[in-house]
Amino acid sequence: MISHPSRHCTVELQALPSRIGQVRRIVSAQLRYWHLDSLIDRAALGVTELLTNVHLHARHDKTCTVELEVLLDRLTVSVRDHDPRLPVVDDADPLATCGRGLAMVAAMSESWGARPEGDSGKVVWFTLSAAVAASAPLTAAHPPRRAVEAAPARPFPEVEQVGLGRPQPAPARSAVAG
């Protein structure tokens, strides 16, 4: 039985550097909510690259829409903007400081593409497999962590301070990512 046949989230924004970071955090939170934590890094990287392309290359209107959709075992992340020009994957010069974003999206995703929406713009998208993430359900013994709580300190038995003869706890680390 399929408990969640489709899950959907939409965010509209101006593709400005400060907004891109906010959307990355929204994507991460939404994937945690859907218990798809294993997809967070790749989805956040991909959406960052697509939004950066809108910021750098879209003419005039930087307004865009980010959509996340989980359908059965696949997460699709798409960015819709108002510039009808389709992106092109270039072979970046080895010393270039930009020009590798779409190649990176292609390398880390199952599939990706772009489709025109007439004169009103385009949609650039990529997919990630959600099958592995969904097959490992969370149990009460391992509830999801909230992004703001610190990881508990845990002793490392192999680490001892000279003269004390007992393990020292690891420093607490924040679970909040950039």
N, C-alpha and C. Protein backbone atom coordinates (compact mmCIF):
# COMPACT_ATOMS: atom_id res chain seq x y z
N MET A 1 0.84 -1.18 0.00
CA MET A 1 0.00 0.00 0.00
C MET A 1 0.88 1.24 0.00
N ILE A 2 0.55 2.20 -0.79
CA ILE A 2 1.30 3.45 -0.89
C ILE A 2 0.69 4.45 0.09
N SER A 3 1.49 4.89 1.07
CA SER A 3 0.95 5.81 2.06
C SER A 3 0.99 7.25 1.58
N HIS A 4 1.96 7.59 0.78
CA HIS A 4 2.08 8.94 0.23
C HIS A 4 2.35 8.84 -1.26
N PRO A 5 1.33 8.67 -2.10
CA PRO A 5 1.59 8.48 -3.53
C PRO A 5 2.27 9.68 -4.16
N SER A 6 1.99 10.87 -3.66
CA SER A 6 2.61 12.07 -4.21
C SER A 6 2.76 13.10 -3.11
N ARG A 7 3.92 13.73 -3.06
CA ARG A 7 4.16 14.83 -2.13
C ARG A 7 4.70 15.98 -2.95
N HIS A 8 4.25 17.20 -2.62
CA HIS A 8 4.55 18.34 -3.46
C HIS A 8 4.81 19.57 -2.61
N CYS A 9 5.78 20.39 -3.01
CA CYS A 9 6.10 21.65 -2.33
C CYS A 9 6.53 22.66 -3.39
N THR A 10 6.03 23.89 -3.28
CA THR A 10 6.36 24.94 -4.24
C THR A 10 6.81 26.19 -3.49
N VAL A 11 7.88 26.83 -3.98
CA VAL A 11 8.39 28.07 -3.40
C VAL A 11 8.63 29.06 -4.53
N GLU A 12 8.07 30.25 -4.41
CA GLU A 12 8.32 31.32 -5.39
C GLU A 12 9.30 32.30 -4.78
N LEU A 13 10.22 32.83 -5.60
CA LEU A 13 11.24 33.73 -5.08
C LEU A 13 11.88 34.54 -6.19
N GLN A 14 12.65 35.53 -5.77
CA GLN A 14 13.56 36.24 -6.65
C GLN A 14 14.90 35.52 -6.53
N ALA A 15 15.52 35.16 -7.62
CA ALA A 15 16.78 34.40 -7.59
C ALA A 15 17.93 35.35 -7.28
N LEU A 16 17.99 35.77 -6.03
CA LEU A 16 19.06 36.61 -5.52
C LEU A 16 19.90 35.76 -4.56
N PRO A 17 21.18 36.07 -4.41
CA PRO A 17 22.03 35.22 -3.56
C PRO A 17 21.46 34.97 -2.17
N SER A 18 20.89 35.97 -1.52
CA SER A 18 20.35 35.76 -0.18
C SER A 18 19.15 34.83 -0.19
N ARG A 19 18.36 34.87 -1.22
CA ARG A 19 17.19 34.00 -1.34
C ARG A 19 17.57 32.56 -1.67
N ILE A 20 18.66 32.39 -2.40
CA ILE A 20 19.10 31.04 -2.77
C ILE A 20 19.43 30.24 -1.52
N GLY A 21 20.11 30.86 -0.56
CA GLY A 21 20.42 30.19 0.70
C GLY A 21 19.16 29.83 1.47
N GLN A 22 18.18 30.72 1.45
CA GLN A 22 16.91 30.44 2.14
C GLN A 22 16.20 29.25 1.50
N VAL A 23 16.17 29.20 0.18
CA VAL A 23 15.50 28.09 -0.50
C VAL A 23 16.24 26.79 -0.24
N ARG A 24 17.56 26.82 -0.19
CA ARG A 24 18.33 25.61 0.14
C ARG A 24 17.91 25.08 1.52
N ARG A 25 17.72 25.99 2.48
CA ARG A 25 17.29 25.57 3.81
C ARG A 25 15.85 25.05 3.79
N ILE A 26 14.98 25.64 2.99
CA ILE A 26 13.60 25.16 2.85
C ILE A 26 13.58 23.76 2.25
N VAL A 27 14.37 23.55 1.21
CA VAL A 27 14.46 22.23 0.58
C VAL A 27 14.93 21.19 1.60
N SER A 28 15.95 21.52 2.36
CA SER A 28 16.47 20.60 3.37
C SER A 28 15.40 20.27 4.41
N ALA A 29 14.70 21.28 4.90
CA ALA A 29 13.66 21.05 5.90
C ALA A 29 12.52 20.20 5.34
N GLN A 30 12.13 20.47 4.11
CA GLN A 30 11.03 19.71 3.51
C GLN A 30 11.41 18.24 3.33
N LEU A 31 12.64 17.99 2.89
CA LEU A 31 13.07 16.61 2.72
C LEU A 31 13.19 15.89 4.06
N ARG A 32 13.60 16.61 5.11
CA ARG A 32 13.60 16.00 6.44
C ARG A 32 12.18 15.64 6.86
N TYR A 33 11.24 16.54 6.60
CA TYR A 33 9.84 16.31 6.94
C TYR A 33 9.30 15.07 6.23
N TRP A 34 9.71 14.87 4.99
CA TRP A 34 9.29 13.71 4.21
C TRP A 34 10.13 12.48 4.53
N HIS A 35 11.07 12.57 5.46
CA HIS A 35 11.96 11.48 5.84
C HIS A 35 12.85 11.04 4.67
N LEU A 36 13.31 12.01 3.91
CA LEU A 36 14.22 11.75 2.78
C LEU A 36 15.57 12.41 3.04
N ASP A 37 16.06 12.27 4.26
CA ASP A 37 17.30 12.92 4.68
C ASP A 37 18.49 12.59 3.78
N SER A 38 18.53 11.38 3.25
CA SER A 38 19.67 10.98 2.42
C SER A 38 19.74 11.75 1.10
N LEU A 39 18.68 12.44 0.73
CA LEU A 39 18.68 13.20 -0.53
C LEU A 39 19.01 14.68 -0.33
N ILE A 40 19.13 15.12 0.92
CA ILE A 40 19.27 16.55 1.21
C ILE A 40 20.48 17.17 0.52
N ASP A 41 21.64 16.58 0.67
CA ASP A 41 22.85 17.20 0.11
C ASP A 41 22.78 17.37 -1.40
N ARG A 42 22.37 16.30 -2.09
CA ARG A 42 22.30 16.39 -3.55
C ARG A 42 21.19 17.33 -4.02
N ALA A 43 20.04 17.30 -3.36
CA ALA A 43 18.94 18.19 -3.75
C ALA A 43 19.31 19.65 -3.49
N ALA A 44 19.94 19.92 -2.35
CA ALA A 44 20.35 21.29 -2.03
C ALA A 44 21.40 21.79 -3.01
N LEU A 45 22.36 20.94 -3.36
CA LEU A 45 23.38 21.31 -4.35
C LEU A 45 22.74 21.60 -5.70
N GLY A 46 21.86 20.71 -6.14
CA GLY A 46 21.22 20.88 -7.45
C GLY A 46 20.37 22.13 -7.52
N VAL A 47 19.54 22.38 -6.50
CA VAL A 47 18.69 23.57 -6.54
C VAL A 47 19.54 24.84 -6.46
N THR A 48 20.65 24.79 -5.73
CA THR A 48 21.56 25.94 -5.68
C THR A 48 22.11 26.25 -7.06
N GLU A 49 22.54 25.22 -7.78
CA GLU A 49 23.09 25.42 -9.13
C GLU A 49 22.03 25.98 -10.08
N LEU A 50 20.81 25.43 -10.04
CA LEU A 50 19.77 25.91 -10.95
C LEU A 50 19.36 27.34 -10.62
N LEU A 51 19.26 27.68 -9.35
CA LEU A 51 18.91 29.06 -8.98
C LEU A 51 20.03 30.04 -9.29
N THR A 52 21.26 29.59 -9.15
CA THR A 52 22.40 30.44 -9.51
C THR A 52 22.38 30.74 -11.01
N ASN A 53 22.01 29.76 -11.82
CA ASN A 53 21.88 30.00 -13.26
C ASN A 53 20.82 31.05 -13.55
N VAL A 54 19.69 30.99 -12.85
CA VAL A 54 18.66 32.02 -13.04
C VAL A 54 19.23 33.38 -12.66
N HIS A 55 19.91 33.44 -11.53
CA HIS A 55 20.49 34.71 -11.07
C HIS A 55 21.49 35.27 -12.08
N LEU A 56 22.35 34.41 -12.61
CA LEU A 56 23.41 34.87 -13.50
C LEU A 56 22.97 35.08 -14.94
N HIS A 57 22.02 34.27 -15.42
CA HIS A 57 21.75 34.25 -16.85
C HIS A 57 20.36 34.71 -17.28
N ALA A 58 19.36 34.64 -16.41
CA ALA A 58 18.01 35.02 -16.83
C ALA A 58 17.97 36.52 -17.08
N ARG A 59 17.35 36.89 -18.17
CA ARG A 59 17.24 38.31 -18.51
C ARG A 59 16.09 38.95 -17.76
N HIS A 60 16.32 40.13 -17.32
CA HIS A 60 15.31 41.00 -16.71
C HIS A 60 14.71 40.43 -15.45
N ASP A 61 13.72 39.59 -15.58
CA ASP A 61 12.93 39.11 -14.45
C ASP A 61 13.61 37.92 -13.78
N LYS A 62 14.02 38.07 -12.54
CA LYS A 62 14.67 36.98 -11.80
C LYS A 62 13.68 36.17 -10.96
N THR A 63 12.38 36.42 -11.16
CA THR A 63 11.36 35.68 -10.43
C THR A 63 11.33 34.24 -10.94
N CYS A 64 11.27 33.31 -10.01
CA CYS A 64 11.22 31.90 -10.41
C CYS A 64 10.45 31.10 -9.37
N THR A 65 10.16 29.87 -9.72
CA THR A 65 9.43 28.95 -8.85
C THR A 65 10.22 27.66 -8.73
N VAL A 66 10.44 27.23 -7.50
CA VAL A 66 11.09 25.95 -7.23
C VAL A 66 10.01 24.97 -6.82
N GLU A 67 10.01 23.80 -7.43
CA GLU A 67 9.05 22.76 -7.09
C GLU A 67 9.79 21.49 -6.69
N LEU A 68 9.32 20.88 -5.61
CA LEU A 68 9.78 19.56 -5.19
C LEU A 68 8.58 18.63 -5.30
N GLU A 69 8.78 17.49 -5.92
CA GLU A 69 7.70 16.52 -5.99
C GLU A 69 8.26 15.12 -5.83
N VAL A 70 7.67 14.38 -4.93
CA VAL A 70 8.01 12.97 -4.77
C VAL A 70 6.83 12.19 -5.32
N LEU A 71 7.10 11.42 -6.33
CA LEU A 71 6.07 10.57 -6.92
C LEU A 71 6.62 9.15 -6.90
N LEU A 72 5.99 8.30 -6.11
CA LEU A 72 6.43 6.93 -5.89
C LEU A 72 7.86 6.92 -5.37
N ASP A 73 8.83 6.56 -6.19
CA ASP A 73 10.20 6.45 -5.69
C ASP A 73 11.16 7.46 -6.32
N ARG A 74 10.65 8.62 -6.72
CA ARG A 74 11.49 9.59 -7.40
C ARG A 74 11.20 11.00 -6.91
N LEU A 75 12.27 11.73 -6.55
CA LEU A 75 12.17 13.15 -6.22
C LEU A 75 12.52 13.94 -7.47
N THR A 76 11.63 14.83 -7.87
CA THR A 76 11.92 15.74 -8.97
C THR A 76 12.01 17.15 -8.40
N VAL A 77 13.11 17.82 -8.70
CA VAL A 77 13.32 19.20 -8.31
C VAL A 77 13.34 20.01 -9.59
N SER A 78 12.49 21.03 -9.68
CA SER A 78 12.47 21.84 -10.90
C SER A 78 12.47 23.32 -10.56
N VAL A 79 13.04 24.10 -11.46
CA VAL A 79 13.08 25.56 -11.34
C VAL A 79 12.49 26.13 -12.62
N ARG A 80 11.43 26.91 -12.45
CA ARG A 80 10.74 27.56 -13.58
C ARG A 80 11.09 29.05 -13.52
N ASP A 81 11.56 29.59 -14.66
CA ASP A 81 11.83 31.03 -14.72
C ASP A 81 11.19 31.63 -15.96
N HIS A 82 11.36 32.92 -16.16
CA HIS A 82 10.68 33.63 -17.24
C HIS A 82 11.56 33.92 -18.44
N ASP A 83 12.74 33.34 -18.49
CA ASP A 83 13.63 33.51 -19.64
C ASP A 83 13.50 32.28 -20.53
N PRO A 84 13.06 32.44 -21.78
CA PRO A 84 12.82 31.27 -22.64
C PRO A 84 14.08 30.58 -23.15
N ARG A 85 15.26 31.19 -22.97
CA ARG A 85 16.49 30.57 -23.47
C ARG A 85 16.83 29.33 -22.65
N LEU A 86 17.04 28.20 -23.33
CA LEU A 86 17.38 26.96 -22.65
C LEU A 86 18.86 26.93 -22.27
N PRO A 87 19.18 26.31 -21.15
CA PRO A 87 20.60 26.24 -20.75
C PRO A 87 21.38 25.28 -21.63
N VAL A 88 22.68 25.51 -21.69
CA VAL A 88 23.57 24.68 -22.49
C VAL A 88 24.71 24.24 -21.59
N VAL A 89 25.03 22.95 -21.64
CA VAL A 89 26.17 22.43 -20.89
C VAL A 89 27.41 22.66 -21.73
N ASP A 90 28.33 23.45 -21.20
CA ASP A 90 29.58 23.73 -21.90
C ASP A 90 30.71 22.92 -21.28
N ASP A 91 31.74 22.66 -22.07
CA ASP A 91 32.96 22.10 -21.53
C ASP A 91 33.75 23.25 -20.96
N ALA A 92 33.79 23.33 -19.64
CA ALA A 92 34.49 24.43 -18.99
C ALA A 92 35.99 24.23 -19.11
N ASP A 93 36.69 25.32 -19.28
CA ASP A 93 38.14 25.31 -19.28
C ASP A 93 38.60 24.81 -17.90
N PRO A 94 39.66 24.01 -17.84
CA PRO A 94 40.11 23.48 -16.54
C PRO A 94 40.40 24.56 -15.49
N LEU A 95 40.77 25.75 -15.92
CA LEU A 95 41.08 26.82 -14.97
C LEU A 95 39.91 27.78 -14.76
N ALA A 96 38.79 27.53 -15.41
CA ALA A 96 37.64 28.42 -15.26
C ALA A 96 37.06 28.32 -13.86
N THR A 97 36.54 29.44 -13.37
CA THR A 97 35.94 29.47 -12.03
C THR A 97 34.42 29.30 -12.06
N CYS A 98 33.86 29.15 -13.24
CA CYS A 98 32.42 28.91 -13.36
C CYS A 98 32.17 28.09 -14.62
N GLY A 99 30.92 27.70 -14.84
CA GLY A 99 30.57 26.97 -16.05
C GLY A 99 30.43 25.47 -15.88
N ARG A 100 30.46 24.99 -14.62
CA ARG A 100 30.35 23.55 -14.39
C ARG A 100 29.06 23.14 -13.71
N GLY A 101 28.18 24.08 -13.43
CA GLY A 101 26.97 23.81 -12.65
C GLY A 101 26.07 22.74 -13.23
N LEU A 102 25.71 22.87 -14.50
CA LEU A 102 24.82 21.88 -15.11
C LEU A 102 25.51 20.53 -15.24
N ALA A 103 26.81 20.52 -15.50
CA ALA A 103 27.53 19.24 -15.57
C ALA A 103 27.51 18.57 -14.20
N MET A 104 27.60 19.36 -13.13
CA MET A 104 27.54 18.81 -11.78
C MET A 104 26.14 18.25 -11.49
N VAL A 105 25.10 18.99 -11.90
CA VAL A 105 23.73 18.51 -11.73
C VAL A 105 23.54 17.20 -12.48
N ALA A 106 24.05 17.13 -13.70
CA ALA A 106 23.94 15.90 -14.49
C ALA A 106 24.66 14.74 -13.82
N ALA A 107 25.82 15.00 -13.23
CA ALA A 107 26.62 13.94 -12.61
C ALA A 107 26.00 13.40 -11.33
N MET A 108 25.34 14.25 -10.56
CA MET A 108 24.83 13.80 -9.26
C MET A 108 23.36 13.36 -9.30
N SER A 109 22.70 13.53 -10.42
CA SER A 109 21.28 13.17 -10.50
C SER A 109 21.09 11.94 -11.39
N GLU A 110 19.90 11.35 -11.29
CA GLU A 110 19.56 10.23 -12.18
C GLU A 110 19.32 10.74 -13.58
N SER A 111 18.63 11.87 -13.67
CA SER A 111 18.35 12.47 -14.97
C SER A 111 18.11 13.96 -14.76
N TRP A 112 18.23 14.71 -15.84
CA TRP A 112 17.95 16.13 -15.77
C TRP A 112 17.54 16.59 -17.16
N GLY A 113 16.98 17.78 -17.24
CA GLY A 113 16.61 18.30 -18.54
C GLY A 113 16.05 19.70 -18.42
N ALA A 114 15.68 20.24 -19.56
CA ALA A 114 15.07 21.57 -19.64
C ALA A 114 14.00 21.51 -20.71
N ARG A 115 12.89 22.19 -20.45
CA ARG A 115 11.83 22.24 -21.44
C ARG A 115 11.32 23.66 -21.54
N PRO A 116 11.08 24.10 -22.76
CA PRO A 116 10.55 25.45 -22.95
C PRO A 116 9.08 25.51 -22.54
N GLU A 117 8.65 26.68 -22.14
CA GLU A 117 7.24 26.92 -21.86
C GLU A 117 6.78 28.09 -22.72
N GLY A 118 6.94 27.90 -24.03
CA GLY A 118 6.57 28.95 -24.98
C GLY A 118 7.43 30.18 -24.77
N ASP A 119 6.83 31.34 -24.94
CA ASP A 119 7.55 32.60 -24.72
C ASP A 119 7.58 33.00 -23.26
N SER A 120 6.91 32.21 -22.40
CA SER A 120 6.80 32.59 -21.00
C SER A 120 7.95 32.07 -20.14
N GLY A 121 8.88 31.32 -20.70
CA GLY A 121 10.02 30.86 -19.93
C GLY A 121 10.37 29.41 -20.17
N LYS A 122 10.94 28.80 -19.13
CA LYS A 122 11.39 27.41 -19.23
C LYS A 122 11.36 26.78 -17.86
N VAL A 123 11.51 25.46 -17.85
CA VAL A 123 11.66 24.69 -16.62
C VAL A 123 12.93 23.86 -16.77
N VAL A 124 13.81 23.94 -15.77
CA VAL A 124 15.00 23.09 -15.71
C VAL A 124 14.80 22.19 -14.49
N TRP A 125 15.03 20.89 -14.66
CA TRP A 125 14.70 19.93 -13.62
C TRP A 125 15.77 18.85 -13.50
N PHE A 126 15.75 18.15 -12.35
CA PHE A 126 16.57 16.96 -12.18
C PHE A 126 15.82 16.01 -11.25
N THR A 127 16.19 14.73 -11.32
CA THR A 127 15.54 13.72 -10.49
C THR A 127 16.58 12.97 -9.65
N LEU A 128 16.12 12.52 -8.49
CA LEU A 128 16.92 11.70 -7.60
C LEU A 128 16.06 10.52 -7.16
N SER A 129 16.66 9.37 -6.98
CA SER A 129 15.91 8.19 -6.52
C SER A 129 15.59 8.35 -5.05
N ALA A 130 14.32 8.22 -4.72
CA ALA A 130 13.87 8.27 -3.33
C ALA A 130 13.63 6.88 -2.79
N ALA A 131 13.88 5.85 -3.58
CA ALA A 131 13.59 4.47 -3.17
C ALA A 131 14.43 4.05 -1.98
N VAL A 132 15.71 4.34 -1.98
CA VAL A 132 16.60 3.95 -0.89
C VAL A 132 16.23 4.71 0.37
N ALA A 133 15.97 6.00 0.23
CA ALA A 133 15.62 6.82 1.39
C ALA A 133 14.31 6.37 2.01
N ALA A 134 13.34 6.01 1.20
CA ALA A 134 12.02 5.62 1.69
C ALA A 134 12.01 4.21 2.24
N SER A 135 12.96 3.37 1.86
CA SER A 135 12.95 1.98 2.31
C SER A 135 13.48 1.82 3.72
N ALA A 136 14.06 2.87 4.30
CA ALA A 136 14.57 2.80 5.66
C ALA A 136 13.72 3.69 6.56
N PRO A 137 12.55 3.18 7.00
CA PRO A 137 11.67 4.01 7.82
C PRO A 137 12.29 4.32 9.16
N LEU A 138 11.98 5.49 9.68
CA LEU A 138 12.47 5.90 10.98
C LEU A 138 11.64 5.20 12.06
N THR A 139 12.29 4.81 13.12
CA THR A 139 11.59 4.18 14.23
C THR A 139 11.57 5.12 15.40
N ALA A 140 10.82 4.76 16.43
CA ALA A 140 10.76 5.60 17.62
C ALA A 140 12.13 5.70 18.28
N ALA A 141 12.97 4.67 18.11
CA ALA A 141 14.31 4.72 18.70
C ALA A 141 15.21 5.71 17.98
N HIS A 142 14.87 6.06 16.74
CA HIS A 142 15.68 6.99 15.96
C HIS A 142 14.79 8.06 15.35
N PRO A 143 14.23 8.96 16.16
CA PRO A 143 13.38 10.01 15.60
C PRO A 143 14.21 11.00 14.80
N PRO A 144 13.60 11.71 13.85
CA PRO A 144 14.36 12.69 13.08
C PRO A 144 14.83 13.81 13.98
N ARG A 145 16.03 14.32 13.72
CA ARG A 145 16.55 15.46 14.48
C ARG A 145 16.05 16.75 13.89
N ARG A 146 15.74 17.67 14.73
CA ARG A 146 15.39 19.01 14.26
C ARG A 146 16.69 19.72 13.92
N ALA A 147 16.64 20.60 12.96
CA ALA A 147 17.84 21.26 12.47
C ALA A 147 18.51 22.12 13.53
N VAL A 148 17.79 22.53 14.57
CA VAL A 148 18.37 23.44 15.54
C VAL A 148 18.93 22.75 16.78
N GLU A 149 18.70 21.45 16.94
CA GLU A 149 19.21 20.81 18.14
C GLU A 149 20.64 20.34 17.92
N ALA A 150 21.41 20.36 18.98
CA ALA A 150 22.80 19.92 18.90
C ALA A 150 22.85 18.42 19.07
N ALA A 151 23.80 17.80 18.41
CA ALA A 151 23.99 16.36 18.57
C ALA A 151 24.48 16.10 19.99
N PRO A 152 24.01 15.03 20.62
CA PRO A 152 24.45 14.76 21.99
C PRO A 152 25.93 14.40 22.04
N ALA A 153 26.56 14.76 23.15
CA ALA A 153 27.97 14.41 23.33
C ALA A 153 28.06 12.91 23.57
N ARG A 154 29.00 12.27 22.92
CA ARG A 154 29.17 10.83 23.06
C ARG A 154 30.65 10.54 23.35
N PRO A 155 30.90 9.68 24.30
CA PRO A 155 32.31 9.35 24.58
C PRO A 155 32.90 8.48 23.48
N PHE A 156 34.16 8.69 23.20
CA PHE A 156 34.90 7.86 22.28
C PHE A 156 35.84 7.00 23.12
N PRO A 157 35.57 5.70 23.27
CA PRO A 157 36.38 4.86 24.15
C PRO A 157 37.85 4.82 23.76
N GLU A 158 38.15 5.00 22.49
CA GLU A 158 39.55 4.89 22.08
C GLU A 158 40.35 6.16 22.35
N VAL A 159 39.69 7.24 22.78
CA VAL A 159 40.38 8.51 23.03
C VAL A 159 40.50 8.70 24.53
N GLU A 160 41.72 8.75 25.03
CA GLU A 160 41.94 8.98 26.45
C GLU A 160 42.93 10.10 26.61
N GLN A 161 42.70 10.91 27.67
CA GLN A 161 43.69 11.92 27.98
C GLN A 161 44.75 11.27 28.85
N VAL A 162 45.96 11.68 28.65
CA VAL A 162 47.06 11.10 29.41
C VAL A 162 46.84 11.40 30.89
N GLY A 163 46.94 10.37 31.71
CA GLY A 163 46.83 10.54 33.15
C GLY A 163 45.40 10.37 33.68
N LEU A 164 44.38 10.51 32.85
CA LEU A 164 43.01 10.37 33.35
C LEU A 164 42.51 8.94 33.23
N GLY A 165 42.90 8.24 32.20
CA GLY A 165 42.52 6.86 32.03
C GLY A 165 41.06 6.63 31.71
N ARG A 166 40.31 7.68 31.35
CA ARG A 166 38.92 7.47 30.95
C ARG A 166 38.61 8.30 29.71
N PRO A 167 37.64 7.88 28.95
CA PRO A 167 37.31 8.57 27.70
C PRO A 167 36.79 9.97 27.95
N GLN A 168 37.07 10.85 27.01
CA GLN A 168 36.56 12.22 27.05
C GLN A 168 35.42 12.35 26.06
N PRO A 169 34.37 13.08 26.45
CA PRO A 169 33.24 13.23 25.51
C PRO A 169 33.63 14.07 24.31
N ALA A 170 32.97 13.76 23.20
CA ALA A 170 33.17 14.56 21.99
C ALA A 170 32.47 15.90 22.17
N PRO A 171 32.97 16.97 21.59
CA PRO A 171 32.29 18.25 21.69
C PRO A 171 30.95 18.19 20.96
N ALA A 172 29.97 18.92 21.50
CA ALA A 172 28.67 18.98 20.82
C ALA A 172 28.82 19.72 19.52
N ARG A 173 28.13 19.25 18.50
CA ARG A 173 28.19 19.87 17.19
C ARG A 173 26.79 20.26 16.77
N SER A 174 26.70 21.37 16.11
CA SER A 174 25.39 21.82 15.61
C SER A 174 25.00 21.01 14.40
N ALA A 175 23.72 20.69 14.29
CA ALA A 175 23.21 19.96 13.13
C ALA A 175 22.80 20.91 12.03
N VAL A 176 22.95 22.22 12.25
CA VAL A 176 22.53 23.21 11.26
C VAL A 176 23.59 23.32 10.19
N ALA A 177 23.22 23.16 8.94
CA ALA A 177 24.15 23.28 7.82
C ALA A 177 23.90 24.59 7.12
N GLY A 178 25.01 25.28 6.71
CA GLY A 178 25.05 26.55 6.02
C GLY A 178 23.90 26.96 5.34
